[in-house]
Amino acid sequence: GGAVQAYKNVLSDDPGNIEAKLGLAQAELLHRVQGMDPQEVRKAAAENPADVPAQIAAADLDLVGGHVEDAFGRLVETVRRSAGDDRETARLRLIELFEVVGSDDPRVAAARRALARALF
């Protein structure tokens, strides 16, 4: 989308721009959930706990719906349960969702601690 590119342009000129980072993370999230069928996504995630892309999609939907703790908890669990590339994919999406919420949010701090426990 245009918003995603606009934020990327700002960041290429000013990589430390916090507002642009936040805007980009939000724009990318909204872009990802467009066209998703929430019921299908949630059903797939519920039926396939080990399916990392399904869990990631459900977490995106959770976050857009304002269910921040659910989104974080789902991805922390996914990291805990998975290995290798799947684990890294889930971890990176979780970090991305932290950006959307903002690092000064206490829910982000709590989820970061949970992620650290899941990784080690």
PDB file of N, CA and C in Angstrom:
ATOM      1  N   GLY A   1       0.806  -1.211   0.000  1.00  0.00           N
ATOM      2  CA  GLY A   1       0.000   0.000   0.000  1.00  0.00           C
ATOM      3  C   GLY A   1       0.834   1.254   0.000  1.00  0.00           C
ATOM      4  N   GLY A   2       0.219   2.377  -0.305  1.00  0.00           N
ATOM      5  CA  GLY A   2       0.908   3.658  -0.374  1.00  0.00           C
ATOM      6  C   GLY A   2       1.478   4.077   0.964  1.00  0.00           C
ATOM      7  N   ALA A   3       0.749   3.805   2.039  1.00  0.00           N
ATOM      8  CA  ALA A   3       1.207   4.205   3.372  1.00  0.00           C
ATOM      9  C   ALA A   3       2.499   3.475   3.725  1.00  0.00           C
ATOM     10  N   VAL A   4       2.545   2.175   3.423  1.00  0.00           N
ATOM     11  CA  VAL A   4       3.736   1.380   3.728  1.00  0.00           C
ATOM     12  C   VAL A   4       4.949   1.998   3.036  1.00  0.00           C
ATOM     13  N   GLN A   5       4.810   2.312   1.746  1.00  0.00           N
ATOM     14  CA  GLN A   5       5.923   2.878   0.981  1.00  0.00           C
ATOM     15  C   GLN A   5       6.322   4.258   1.508  1.00  0.00           C
ATOM     16  N   ALA A   6       5.319   5.048   1.856  1.00  0.00           N
ATOM     17  CA  ALA A   6       5.597   6.395   2.369  1.00  0.00           C
ATOM     18  C   ALA A   6       6.447   6.322   3.638  1.00  0.00           C
ATOM     19  N   TYR A   7       6.082   5.418   4.555  1.00  0.00           N
ATOM     20  CA  TYR A   7       6.862   5.278   5.790  1.00  0.00           C
ATOM     21  C   TYR A   7       8.257   4.745   5.488  1.00  0.00           C
ATOM     22  N   LYS A   8       8.360   3.824   4.516  1.00  0.00           N
ATOM     23  CA  LYS A   8       9.682   3.287   4.157  1.00  0.00           C
ATOM     24  C   LYS A   8      10.565   4.407   3.603  1.00  0.00           C
ATOM     25  N   ASN A   9       9.962   5.308   2.839  1.00  0.00           N
ATOM     26  CA  ASN A   9      10.726   6.430   2.281  1.00  0.00           C
ATOM     27  C   ASN A   9      11.264   7.316   3.398  1.00  0.00           C
ATOM     28  N   VAL A  10      10.411   7.620   4.384  1.00  0.00           N
ATOM     29  CA  VAL A  10      10.853   8.441   5.523  1.00  0.00           C
ATOM     30  C   VAL A  10      12.009   7.749   6.235  1.00  0.00           C
ATOM     31  N   LEU A  11      11.867   6.426   6.449  1.00  0.00           N
ATOM     32  CA  LEU A  11      12.883   5.691   7.208  1.00  0.00           C
ATOM     33  C   LEU A  11      14.192   5.575   6.433  1.00  0.00           C
ATOM     34  N   SER A  12      14.127   5.570   5.106  1.00  0.00           N
ATOM     35  CA  SER A  12      15.381   5.491   4.355  1.00  0.00           C
ATOM     36  C   SER A  12      16.164   6.798   4.525  1.00  0.00           C
ATOM     37  N   ASP A  13      15.452   7.917   4.692  1.00  0.00           N
ATOM     38  CA  ASP A  13      16.119   9.207   4.936  1.00  0.00           C
ATOM     39  C   ASP A  13      16.493   9.366   6.409  1.00  0.00           C
ATOM     40  N   ASP A  14      15.675   8.787   7.281  1.00  0.00           N
ATOM     41  CA  ASP A  14      15.798   9.027   8.722  1.00  0.00           C
ATOM     42  C   ASP A  14      15.514   7.720   9.466  1.00  0.00           C
ATOM     43  N   PRO A  15      16.494   6.777   9.463  1.00  0.00           N
ATOM     44  CA  PRO A  15      16.254   5.427  10.008  1.00  0.00           C
ATOM     45  C   PRO A  15      15.821   5.414  11.472  1.00  0.00           C
ATOM     46  N   GLY A  16      16.145   6.472  12.220  1.00  0.00           N
ATOM     47  CA  GLY A  16      15.806   6.481  13.645  1.00  0.00           C
ATOM     48  C   GLY A  16      14.449   7.084  13.948  1.00  0.00           C
ATOM     49  N   ASN A  17      13.670   7.405  12.908  1.00  0.00           N
ATOM     50  CA  ASN A  17      12.390   8.091  13.108  1.00  0.00           C
ATOM     51  C   ASN A  17      11.371   7.143  13.749  1.00  0.00           C
ATOM     52  N   ILE A  18      11.102   7.378  15.045  1.00  0.00           N
ATOM     53  CA  ILE A  18      10.243   6.476  15.819  1.00  0.00           C
ATOM     54  C   ILE A  18       8.812   6.485  15.277  1.00  0.00           C
ATOM     55  N   GLU A  19       8.305   7.668  14.952  1.00  0.00           N
ATOM     56  CA  GLU A  19       6.930   7.762  14.454  1.00  0.00           C
ATOM     57  C   GLU A  19       6.771   7.015  13.138  1.00  0.00           C
ATOM     58  N   ALA A  20       7.774   7.123  12.275  1.00  0.00           N
ATOM     59  CA  ALA A  20       7.708   6.420  10.996  1.00  0.00           C
ATOM     60  C   ALA A  20       7.778   4.912  11.207  1.00  0.00           C
ATOM     61  N   LYS A  21       8.604   4.470  12.167  1.00  0.00           N
ATOM     62  CA  LYS A  21       8.691   3.033  12.478  1.00  0.00           C
ATOM     63  C   LYS A  21       7.337   2.510  12.940  1.00  0.00           C
ATOM     64  N   LEU A  22       6.723   3.272  13.843  1.00  0.00           N
ATOM     65  CA  LEU A  22       5.413   2.896  14.372  1.00  0.00           C
ATOM     66  C   LEU A  22       4.381   2.885  13.245  1.00  0.00           C
ATOM     67  N   GLY A  23       4.396   3.945  12.435  1.00  0.00           N
ATOM     68  CA  GLY A  23       3.451   4.039  11.325  1.00  0.00           C
ATOM     69  C   GLY A  23       3.613   2.894  10.347  1.00  0.00           C
ATOM     70  N   LEU A  24       4.864   2.547  10.055  1.00  0.00           N
ATOM     71  CA  LEU A  24       5.134   1.446   9.120  1.00  0.00           C
ATOM     72  C   LEU A  24       4.623   0.129   9.683  1.00  0.00           C
ATOM     73  N   ALA A  25       4.906  -0.120  10.947  1.00  0.00           N
ATOM     74  CA  ALA A  25       4.460  -1.370  11.573  1.00  0.00           C
ATOM     75  C   ALA A  25       2.931  -1.463  11.541  1.00  0.00           C
ATOM     76  N   GLN A  26       2.264  -0.349  11.830  1.00  0.00           N
ATOM     77  CA  GLN A  26       0.795  -0.335  11.822  1.00  0.00           C
ATOM     78  C   GLN A  26       0.250  -0.523  10.409  1.00  0.00           C
ATOM     79  N   ALA A  27       0.858   0.177   9.444  1.00  0.00           N
ATOM     80  CA  ALA A  27       0.402   0.083   8.055  1.00  0.00           C
ATOM     81  C   ALA A  27       0.581  -1.338   7.530  1.00  0.00           C
ATOM     82  N   GLU A  28       1.714  -1.963   7.854  1.00  0.00           N
ATOM     83  CA  GLU A  28       1.965  -3.333   7.401  1.00  0.00           C
ATOM     84  C   GLU A  28       0.971  -4.302   8.032  1.00  0.00           C
ATOM     85  N   LEU A  29       0.674  -4.090   9.304  1.00  0.00           N
ATOM     86  CA  LEU A  29      -0.296  -4.947   9.994  1.00  0.00           C
ATOM     87  C   LEU A  29      -1.667  -4.838   9.322  1.00  0.00           C
ATOM     88  N   LEU A  30      -2.122  -3.616   9.091  1.00  0.00           N
ATOM     89  CA  LEU A  30      -3.440  -3.418   8.470  1.00  0.00           C
ATOM     90  C   LEU A  30      -3.468  -4.013   7.071  1.00  0.00           C
ATOM     91  N   HIS A  31      -2.357  -3.884   6.358  1.00  0.00           N
ATOM     92  CA  HIS A  31      -2.253  -4.445   5.013  1.00  0.00           C
ATOM     93  C   HIS A  31      -2.379  -5.971   5.061  1.00  0.00           C
ATOM     94  N   ARG A  32      -1.747  -6.593   6.063  1.00  0.00           N
ATOM     95  CA  ARG A  32      -1.782  -8.060   6.184  1.00  0.00           C
ATOM     96  C   ARG A  32      -3.177  -8.584   6.489  1.00  0.00           C
ATOM     97  N   VAL A  33      -3.932  -7.859   7.316  1.00  0.00           N
ATOM     98  CA  VAL A  33      -5.233  -8.411   7.726  1.00  0.00           C
ATOM     99  C   VAL A  33      -6.336  -8.111   6.716  1.00  0.00           C
ATOM    100  N   GLN A  34      -6.063  -7.219   5.773  1.00  0.00           N
ATOM    101  CA  GLN A  34      -7.058  -6.939   4.733  1.00  0.00           C
ATOM    102  C   GLN A  34      -7.384  -8.230   3.987  1.00  0.00           C
ATOM    103  N   GLY A  35      -8.654  -8.484   3.792  1.00  0.00           N
ATOM    104  CA  GLY A  35      -9.041  -9.648   3.014  1.00  0.00           C
ATOM    105  C   GLY A  35      -9.005 -10.952   3.798  1.00  0.00           C
ATOM    106  N   MET A  36      -8.585 -10.906   5.057  1.00  0.00           N
ATOM    107  CA  MET A  36      -8.641 -12.114   5.882  1.00  0.00           C
ATOM    108  C   MET A  36     -10.082 -12.363   6.292  1.00  0.00           C
ATOM    109  N   ASP A  37     -10.454 -13.632   6.372  1.00  0.00           N
ATOM    110  CA  ASP A  37     -11.744 -13.996   6.949  1.00  0.00           C
ATOM    111  C   ASP A  37     -11.490 -14.353   8.414  1.00  0.00           C
ATOM    112  N   PRO A  38     -11.883 -13.454   9.335  1.00  0.00           N
ATOM    113  CA  PRO A  38     -11.538 -13.683  10.752  1.00  0.00           C
ATOM    114  C   PRO A  38     -11.975 -15.043  11.274  1.00  0.00           C
ATOM    115  N   GLN A  39     -13.164 -15.494  10.885  1.00  0.00           N
ATOM    116  CA  GLN A  39     -13.638 -16.791  11.393  1.00  0.00           C
ATOM    117  C   GLN A  39     -12.762 -17.928  10.882  1.00  0.00           C
ATOM    118  N   GLU A  40     -12.419 -17.874   9.598  1.00  0.00           N
ATOM    119  CA  GLU A  40     -11.552 -18.908   9.018  1.00  0.00           C
ATOM    120  C   GLU A  40     -10.186 -18.920   9.698  1.00  0.00           C
ATOM    121  N   VAL A  41      -9.631 -17.724   9.886  1.00  0.00           N
ATOM    122  CA  VAL A  41      -8.301 -17.612  10.484  1.00  0.00           C
ATOM    123  C   VAL A  41      -8.313 -18.174  11.906  1.00  0.00           C
ATOM    124  N   ARG A  42      -9.314 -17.793  12.683  1.00  0.00           N
ATOM    125  CA  ARG A  42      -9.383 -18.256  14.077  1.00  0.00           C
ATOM    126  C   ARG A  42      -9.605 -19.765  14.154  1.00  0.00           C
ATOM    127  N   LYS A  43     -10.434 -20.268  13.238  1.00  0.00           N
ATOM    128  CA  LYS A  43     -10.710 -21.712  13.204  1.00  0.00           C
ATOM    129  C   LYS A  43      -9.415 -22.468  12.872  1.00  0.00           C
ATOM    130  N   ALA A  44      -8.691 -22.000  11.862  1.00  0.00           N
ATOM    131  CA  ALA A  44      -7.439 -22.656  11.460  1.00  0.00           C
ATOM    132  C   ALA A  44      -6.442 -22.657  12.618  1.00  0.00           C
ATOM    133  N   ALA A  45      -6.357 -21.523  13.321  1.00  0.00           N
ATOM    134  CA  ALA A  45      -5.410 -21.413  14.439  1.00  0.00           C
ATOM    135  C   ALA A  45      -5.814 -22.343  15.580  1.00  0.00           C
ATOM    136  N   ALA A  46      -7.131 -22.416  15.846  1.00  0.00           N
ATOM    137  CA  ALA A  46      -7.617 -23.259  16.942  1.00  0.00           C
ATOM    138  C   ALA A  46      -7.383 -24.738  16.635  1.00  0.00           C
ATOM    139  N   GLU A  47      -7.568 -25.121  15.366  1.00  0.00           N
ATOM    140  CA  GLU A  47      -7.459 -26.535  14.986  1.00  0.00           C
ATOM    141  C   GLU A  47      -6.014 -26.976  14.783  1.00  0.00           C
ATOM    142  N   ASN A  48      -5.110 -26.018  14.526  1.00  0.00           N
ATOM    143  CA  ASN A  48      -3.722 -26.370  14.210  1.00  0.00           C
ATOM    144  C   ASN A  48      -2.737 -25.561  15.050  1.00  0.00           C
ATOM    145  N   PRO A  49      -2.634 -25.906  16.342  1.00  0.00           N
ATOM    146  CA  PRO A  49      -1.769 -25.121  17.221  1.00  0.00           C
ATOM    147  C   PRO A  49      -0.319 -25.072  16.733  1.00  0.00           C
ATOM    148  N   ALA A  50       0.114 -26.079  15.986  1.00  0.00           N
ATOM    149  CA  ALA A  50       1.511 -26.129  15.538  1.00  0.00           C
ATOM    150  C   ALA A  50       1.724 -25.412  14.206  1.00  0.00           C
ATOM    151  N   ASP A  51       0.642 -24.928  13.599  1.00  0.00           N
ATOM    152  CA  ASP A  51       0.745 -24.244  12.305  1.00  0.00           C
ATOM    153  C   ASP A  51       1.140 -22.790  12.552  1.00  0.00           C
ATOM    154  N   VAL A  52       2.419 -22.496  12.353  1.00  0.00           N
ATOM    155  CA  VAL A  52       2.950 -21.176  12.710  1.00  0.00           C
ATOM    156  C   VAL A  52       2.291 -20.054  11.898  1.00  0.00           C
ATOM    157  N   PRO A  53       2.170 -20.184  10.559  1.00  0.00           N
ATOM    158  CA  PRO A  53       1.495 -19.114   9.809  1.00  0.00           C
ATOM    159  C   PRO A  53       0.057 -18.867  10.279  1.00  0.00           C
ATOM    160  N   ALA A  54      -0.649 -19.925  10.672  1.00  0.00           N
ATOM    161  CA  ALA A  54      -2.022 -19.775  11.167  1.00  0.00           C
ATOM    162  C   ALA A  54      -2.031 -19.001  12.482  1.00  0.00           C
ATOM    163  N   GLN A  55      -1.072 -19.299  13.366  1.00  0.00           N
ATOM    164  CA  GLN A  55      -0.990 -18.604  14.652  1.00  0.00           C
ATOM    165  C   GLN A  55      -0.631 -17.130  14.447  1.00  0.00           C
ATOM    166  N   ILE A  56       0.274 -16.887  13.512  1.00  0.00           N
ATOM    167  CA  ILE A  56       0.701 -15.513  13.222  1.00  0.00           C
ATOM    168  C   ILE A  56      -0.472 -14.702  12.674  1.00  0.00           C
ATOM    169  N   ALA A  57      -1.232 -15.296  11.768  1.00  0.00           N
ATOM    170  CA  ALA A  57      -2.393 -14.600  11.191  1.00  0.00           C
ATOM    171  C   ALA A  57      -3.409 -14.278  12.278  1.00  0.00           C
ATOM    172  N   ALA A  58      -3.640 -15.237  13.172  1.00  0.00           N
ATOM    173  CA  ALA A  58      -4.598 -15.020  14.261  1.00  0.00           C
ATOM    174  C   ALA A  58      -4.100 -13.920  15.199  1.00  0.00           C
ATOM    175  N   ALA A  59      -2.796 -13.881  15.445  1.00  0.00           N
ATOM    176  CA  ALA A  59      -2.234 -12.845  16.317  1.00  0.00           C
ATOM    177  C   ALA A  59      -2.403 -11.464  15.680  1.00  0.00           C
ATOM    178  N   ASP A  60      -2.184 -11.382  14.365  1.00  0.00           N
ATOM    179  CA  ASP A  60      -2.401 -10.116  13.657  1.00  0.00           C
ATOM    180  C   ASP A  60      -3.840  -9.649  13.858  1.00  0.00           C
ATOM    181  N   LEU A  61      -4.778 -10.562  13.673  1.00  0.00           N
ATOM    182  CA  LEU A  61      -6.199 -10.220  13.842  1.00  0.00           C
ATOM    183  C   LEU A  61      -6.492  -9.795  15.271  1.00  0.00           C
ATOM    184  N   ASP A  62      -5.929 -10.538  16.233  1.00  0.00           N
ATOM    185  CA  ASP A  62      -6.125 -10.196  17.651  1.00  0.00           C
ATOM    186  C   ASP A  62      -5.691  -8.753  17.892  1.00  0.00           C
ATOM    187  N   LEU A  63      -4.509  -8.413  17.376  1.00  0.00           N
ATOM    188  CA  LEU A  63      -3.961  -7.091  17.643  1.00  0.00           C
ATOM    189  C   LEU A  63      -4.826  -6.003  17.010  1.00  0.00           C
ATOM    190  N   VAL A  64      -5.241  -6.225  15.767  1.00  0.00           N
ATOM    191  CA  VAL A  64      -6.092  -5.239  15.089  1.00  0.00           C
ATOM    192  C   VAL A  64      -7.399  -5.070  15.855  1.00  0.00           C
ATOM    193  N   GLY A  65      -7.882  -6.161  16.458  1.00  0.00           N
ATOM    194  CA  GLY A  65      -9.116  -6.120  17.232  1.00  0.00           C
ATOM    195  C   GLY A  65      -8.926  -5.543  18.626  1.00  0.00           C
ATOM    196  N   GLY A  66      -7.687  -5.181  18.968  1.00  0.00           N
ATOM    197  CA  GLY A  66      -7.428  -4.594  20.275  1.00  0.00           C
ATOM    198  C   GLY A  66      -7.130  -5.604  21.366  1.00  0.00           C
ATOM    199  N   HIS A  67      -6.985  -6.877  20.985  1.00  0.00           N
ATOM    200  CA  HIS A  67      -6.721  -7.929  21.980  1.00  0.00           C
ATOM    201  C   HIS A  67      -5.208  -8.129  22.080  1.00  0.00           C
ATOM    202  N   VAL A  68      -4.550  -7.137  22.662  1.00  0.00           N
ATOM    203  CA  VAL A  68      -3.088  -7.090  22.655  1.00  0.00           C
ATOM    204  C   VAL A  68      -2.485  -8.286  23.387  1.00  0.00           C
ATOM    205  N   GLU A  69      -2.984  -8.553  24.605  1.00  0.00           N
ATOM    206  CA  GLU A  69      -2.414  -9.654  25.392  1.00  0.00           C
ATOM    207  C   GLU A  69      -2.631 -10.989  24.703  1.00  0.00           C
ATOM    208  N   ASP A  70      -3.798 -11.165  24.070  1.00  0.00           N
ATOM    209  CA  ASP A  70      -4.072 -12.414  23.343  1.00  0.00           C
ATOM    210  C   ASP A  70      -3.076 -12.598  22.213  1.00  0.00           C
ATOM    211  N   ALA A  71      -2.849 -11.527  21.470  1.00  0.00           N
ATOM    212  CA  ALA A  71      -1.909 -11.598  20.341  1.00  0.00           C
ATOM    213  C   ALA A  71      -0.518 -11.970  20.834  1.00  0.00           C
ATOM    214  N   PHE A  72      -0.045 -11.274  21.872  1.00  0.00           N
ATOM    215  CA  PHE A  72       1.291 -11.534  22.399  1.00  0.00           C
ATOM    216  C   PHE A  72       1.384 -12.953  22.964  1.00  0.00           C
ATOM    217  N   GLY A  73       0.379 -13.330  23.752  1.00  0.00           N
ATOM    218  CA  GLY A  73       0.386 -14.654  24.377  1.00  0.00           C
ATOM    219  C   GLY A  73       0.410 -15.766  23.340  1.00  0.00           C
ATOM    220  N   ARG A  74      -0.362 -15.587  22.285  1.00  0.00           N
ATOM    221  CA  ARG A  74      -0.421 -16.587  21.213  1.00  0.00           C
ATOM    222  C   ARG A  74       0.962 -16.762  20.583  1.00  0.00           C
ATOM    223  N   LEU A  75       1.633 -15.649  20.325  1.00  0.00           N
ATOM    224  CA  LEU A  75       2.934 -15.761  19.653  1.00  0.00           C
ATOM    225  C   LEU A  75       4.027 -16.250  20.603  1.00  0.00           C
ATOM    226  N   VAL A  76       3.961 -15.877  21.869  1.00  0.00           N
ATOM    227  CA  VAL A  76       4.928 -16.411  22.836  1.00  0.00           C
ATOM    228  C   VAL A  76       4.779 -17.933  22.905  1.00  0.00           C
ATOM    229  N   GLU A  77       3.537 -18.402  22.965  1.00  0.00           N
ATOM    230  CA  GLU A  77       3.275 -19.849  22.979  1.00  0.00           C
ATOM    231  C   GLU A  77       3.801 -20.510  21.711  1.00  0.00           C
ATOM    232  N   THR A  78       3.596 -19.844  20.576  1.00  0.00           N
ATOM    233  CA  THR A  78       4.036 -20.391  19.286  1.00  0.00           C
ATOM    234  C   THR A  78       5.555 -20.513  19.267  1.00  0.00           C
ATOM    235  N   VAL A  79       6.240 -19.495  19.792  1.00  0.00           N
ATOM    236  CA  VAL A  79       7.701 -19.544  19.884  1.00  0.00           C
ATOM    237  C   VAL A  79       8.112 -20.721  20.769  1.00  0.00           C
ATOM    238  N   ARG A  80       7.421 -20.872  21.895  1.00  0.00           N
ATOM    239  CA  ARG A  80       7.764 -21.925  22.852  1.00  0.00           C
ATOM    240  C   ARG A  80       7.614 -23.307  22.208  1.00  0.00           C
ATOM    241  N   ARG A  81       6.578 -23.463  21.377  1.00  0.00           N
ATOM    242  CA  ARG A  81       6.255 -24.767  20.799  1.00  0.00           C
ATOM    243  C   ARG A  81       7.040 -25.098  19.543  1.00  0.00           C
ATOM    244  N   SER A  82       7.615 -24.086  18.885  1.00  0.00           N
ATOM    245  CA  SER A  82       8.208 -24.342  17.579  1.00  0.00           C
ATOM    246  C   SER A  82       9.730 -24.338  17.658  1.00  0.00           C
ATOM    247  N   ALA A  83      10.357 -24.610  16.511  1.00  0.00           N
ATOM    248  CA  ALA A  83      11.823 -24.672  16.461  1.00  0.00           C
ATOM    249  C   ALA A  83      12.291 -24.152  15.107  1.00  0.00           C
ATOM    250  N   GLY A  84      13.575 -23.843  15.038  1.00  0.00           N
ATOM    251  CA  GLY A  84      14.178 -23.499  13.752  1.00  0.00           C
ATOM    252  C   GLY A  84      13.561 -22.266  13.119  1.00  0.00           C
ATOM    253  N   ASP A  85      13.334 -22.357  11.798  1.00  0.00           N
ATOM    254  CA  ASP A  85      12.825 -21.216  11.037  1.00  0.00           C
ATOM    255  C   ASP A  85      11.443 -20.790  11.519  1.00  0.00           C
ATOM    256  N   ASP A  86      10.598 -21.770  11.858  1.00  0.00           N
ATOM    257  CA  ASP A  86       9.247 -21.456  12.333  1.00  0.00           C
ATOM    258  C   ASP A  86       9.328 -20.604  13.585  1.00  0.00           C
ATOM    259  N   ARG A  87      10.212 -21.005  14.478  1.00  0.00           N
ATOM    260  CA  ARG A  87      10.365 -20.285  15.745  1.00  0.00           C
ATOM    261  C   ARG A  87      10.822 -18.849  15.477  1.00  0.00           C
ATOM    262  N   GLU A  88      11.778 -18.711  14.554  1.00  0.00           N
ATOM    263  CA  GLU A  88      12.315 -17.391  14.227  1.00  0.00           C
ATOM    264  C   GLU A  88      11.236 -16.522  13.578  1.00  0.00           C
ATOM    265  N   THR A  89      10.429 -17.117  12.710  1.00  0.00           N
ATOM    266  CA  THR A  89       9.334 -16.392  12.047  1.00  0.00           C
ATOM    267  C   THR A  89       8.357 -15.855  13.083  1.00  0.00           C
ATOM    268  N   ALA A  90       7.983 -16.707  14.041  1.00  0.00           N
ATOM    269  CA  ALA A  90       7.047 -16.303  15.092  1.00  0.00           C
ATOM    270  C   ALA A  90       7.668 -15.217  15.973  1.00  0.00           C
ATOM    271  N   ARG A  91       8.951 -15.374  16.289  1.00  0.00           N
ATOM    272  CA  ARG A  91       9.636 -14.398  17.141  1.00  0.00           C
ATOM    273  C   ARG A  91       9.689 -13.031  16.450  1.00  0.00           C
ATOM    274  N   LEU A  92      10.016 -13.037  15.161  1.00  0.00           N
ATOM    275  CA  LEU A  92      10.126 -11.774  14.431  1.00  0.00           C
ATOM    276  C   LEU A  92       8.775 -11.073  14.324  1.00  0.00           C
ATOM    277  N   ARG A  93       7.696 -11.844  14.110  1.00  0.00           N
ATOM    278  CA  ARG A  93       6.380 -11.219  14.047  1.00  0.00           C
ATOM    279  C   ARG A  93       6.015 -10.621  15.403  1.00  0.00           C
ATOM    280  N   LEU A  94       6.359 -11.315  16.470  1.00  0.00           N
ATOM    281  CA  LEU A  94       6.068 -10.800  17.805  1.00  0.00           C
ATOM    282  C   LEU A  94       6.794  -9.469  18.021  1.00  0.00           C
ATOM    283  N   ILE A  95       8.062  -9.404  17.632  1.00  0.00           N
ATOM    284  CA  ILE A  95       8.844  -8.174  17.765  1.00  0.00           C
ATOM    285  C   ILE A  95       8.183  -7.049  16.949  1.00  0.00           C
ATOM    286  N   GLU A  96       7.688  -7.418  15.766  1.00  0.00           N
ATOM    287  CA  GLU A  96       7.006  -6.440  14.910  1.00  0.00           C
ATOM    288  C   GLU A  96       5.743  -5.910  15.588  1.00  0.00           C
ATOM    289  N   LEU A  97       5.003  -6.814  16.228  1.00  0.00           N
ATOM    290  CA  LEU A  97       3.775  -6.389  16.911  1.00  0.00           C
ATOM    291  C   LEU A  97       4.117  -5.521  18.127  1.00  0.00           C
ATOM    292  N   PHE A  98       5.266  -5.770  18.760  1.00  0.00           N
ATOM    293  CA  PHE A  98       5.708  -4.881  19.845  1.00  0.00           C
ATOM    294  C   PHE A  98       5.837  -3.455  19.308  1.00  0.00           C
ATOM    295  N   GLU A  99       6.382  -3.332  18.092  1.00  0.00           N
ATOM    296  CA  GLU A  99       6.556  -2.007  17.472  1.00  0.00           C
ATOM    297  C   GLU A  99       5.204  -1.309  17.302  1.00  0.00           C
ATOM    298  N   VAL A 100       4.195  -2.093  16.904  1.00  0.00           N
ATOM    299  CA  VAL A 100       2.870  -1.520  16.656  1.00  0.00           C
ATOM    300  C   VAL A 100       2.302  -0.941  17.945  1.00  0.00           C
ATOM    301  N   VAL A 101       2.474  -1.680  19.042  1.00  0.00           N
ATOM    302  CA  VAL A 101       1.894  -1.260  20.320  1.00  0.00           C
ATOM    303  C   VAL A 101       2.741  -0.155  20.957  1.00  0.00           C
ATOM    304  N   GLY A 102       4.052  -0.249  20.770  1.00  0.00           N
ATOM    305  CA  GLY A 102       4.953   0.761  21.336  1.00  0.00           C
ATOM    306  C   GLY A 102       5.699   0.208  22.530  1.00  0.00           C
ATOM    307  N   SER A 103       7.013   0.409  22.550  1.00  0.00           N
ATOM    308  CA  SER A 103       7.847  -0.273  23.541  1.00  0.00           C
ATOM    309  C   SER A 103       7.617   0.231  24.964  1.00  0.00           C
ATOM    310  N   ASP A 104       6.957   1.381  25.124  1.00  0.00           N
ATOM    311  CA  ASP A 104       6.732   1.858  26.492  1.00  0.00           C
ATOM    312  C   ASP A 104       5.440   1.308  27.095  1.00  0.00           C
ATOM    313  N   ASP A 105       4.716   0.478  26.333  1.00  0.00           N
ATOM    314  CA  ASP A 105       3.485  -0.129  26.847  1.00  0.00           C
ATOM    315  C   ASP A 105       3.852  -1.262  27.810  1.00  0.00           C
ATOM    316  N   PRO A 106       3.255  -1.272  29.013  1.00  0.00           N
ATOM    317  CA  PRO A 106       3.596  -2.327  29.984  1.00  0.00           C
ATOM    318  C   PRO A 106       3.299  -3.736  29.452  1.00  0.00           C
ATOM    319  N   ARG A 107       2.320  -3.869  28.544  1.00  0.00           N
ATOM    320  CA  ARG A 107       2.011  -5.188  27.991  1.00  0.00           C
ATOM    321  C   ARG A 107       3.161  -5.687  27.121  1.00  0.00           C
ATOM    322  N   VAL A 108       3.865  -4.754  26.491  1.00  0.00           N
ATOM    323  CA  VAL A 108       5.035  -5.127  25.687  1.00  0.00           C
ATOM    324  C   VAL A 108       6.144  -5.621  26.609  1.00  0.00           C
ATOM    325  N   ALA A 109       6.384  -4.899  27.700  1.00  0.00           N
ATOM    326  CA  ALA A 109       7.428  -5.299  28.650  1.00  0.00           C
ATOM    327  C   ALA A 109       7.146  -6.698  29.196  1.00  0.00           C
ATOM    328  N   ALA A 110       5.895  -6.970  29.554  1.00  0.00           N
ATOM    329  CA  ALA A 110       5.524  -8.282  30.091  1.00  0.00           C
ATOM    330  C   ALA A 110       5.731  -9.369  29.036  1.00  0.00           C
ATOM    331  N   ALA A 111       5.347  -9.079  27.801  1.00  0.00           N
ATOM    332  CA  ALA A 111       5.485 -10.075  26.739  1.00  0.00           C
ATOM    333  C   ALA A 111       6.956 -10.306  26.388  1.00  0.00           C
ATOM    334  N   ARG A 112       7.767  -9.260  26.465  1.00  0.00           N
ATOM    335  CA  ARG A 112       9.214  -9.431  26.225  1.00  0.00           C
ATOM    336  C   ARG A 112       9.816 -10.401  27.233  1.00  0.00           C
ATOM    337  N   ARG A 113       9.395 -10.257  28.497  1.00  0.00           N
ATOM    338  CA  ARG A 113       9.903 -11.177  29.532  1.00  0.00           C
ATOM    339  C   ARG A 113       9.437 -12.606  29.248  1.00  0.00           C
ATOM    340  N   ALA A 114       8.182 -12.740  28.851  1.00  0.00           N
ATOM    341  CA  ALA A 114       7.656 -14.070  28.537  1.00  0.00           C
ATOM    342  C   ALA A 114       8.384 -14.673  27.344  1.00  0.00           C
ATOM    343  N   LEU A 115       8.689 -13.831  26.358  1.00  0.00           N
ATOM    344  CA  LEU A 115       9.417 -14.298  25.179  1.00  0.00           C
ATOM    345  C   LEU A 115      10.818 -14.786  25.584  1.00  0.00           C
ATOM    346  N   ALA A 116      11.481 -14.025  26.442  1.00  0.00           N
ATOM    347  CA  ALA A 116      12.824 -14.417  26.896  1.00  0.00           C
ATOM    348  C   ALA A 116      12.768 -15.778  27.580  1.00  0.00           C
ATOM    349  N   ARG A 117      11.721 -15.996  28.411  1.00  0.00           N
ATOM    350  CA  ARG A 117      11.582 -17.290  29.078  1.00  0.00           C
ATOM    351  C   ARG A 117      11.310 -18.390  28.059  1.00  0.00           C
ATOM    352  N   ALA A 118      10.545 -18.095  27.015  1.00  0.00           N
ATOM    353  CA  ALA A 118      10.210 -19.096  26.000  1.00  0.00           C
ATOM    354  C   ALA A 118      11.445 -19.488  25.182  1.00  0.00           C
ATOM    355  N   LEU A 119      12.355 -18.537  25.019  1.00  0.00           N
ATOM    356  CA  LEU A 119      13.531 -18.786  24.169  1.00  0.00           C
ATOM    357  C   LEU A 119      14.631 -19.545  24.901  1.00  0.00           C
ATOM    358  N   PHE A 120      14.712 -19.366  26.223  1.00  0.00           N
ATOM    359  CA  PHE A 120      15.862 -19.927  26.933  1.00  0.00           C
ATOM    360  C   PHE A 120      15.462 -20.956  27.990  1.00  0.00           C
TER     361      PHE A 120
END
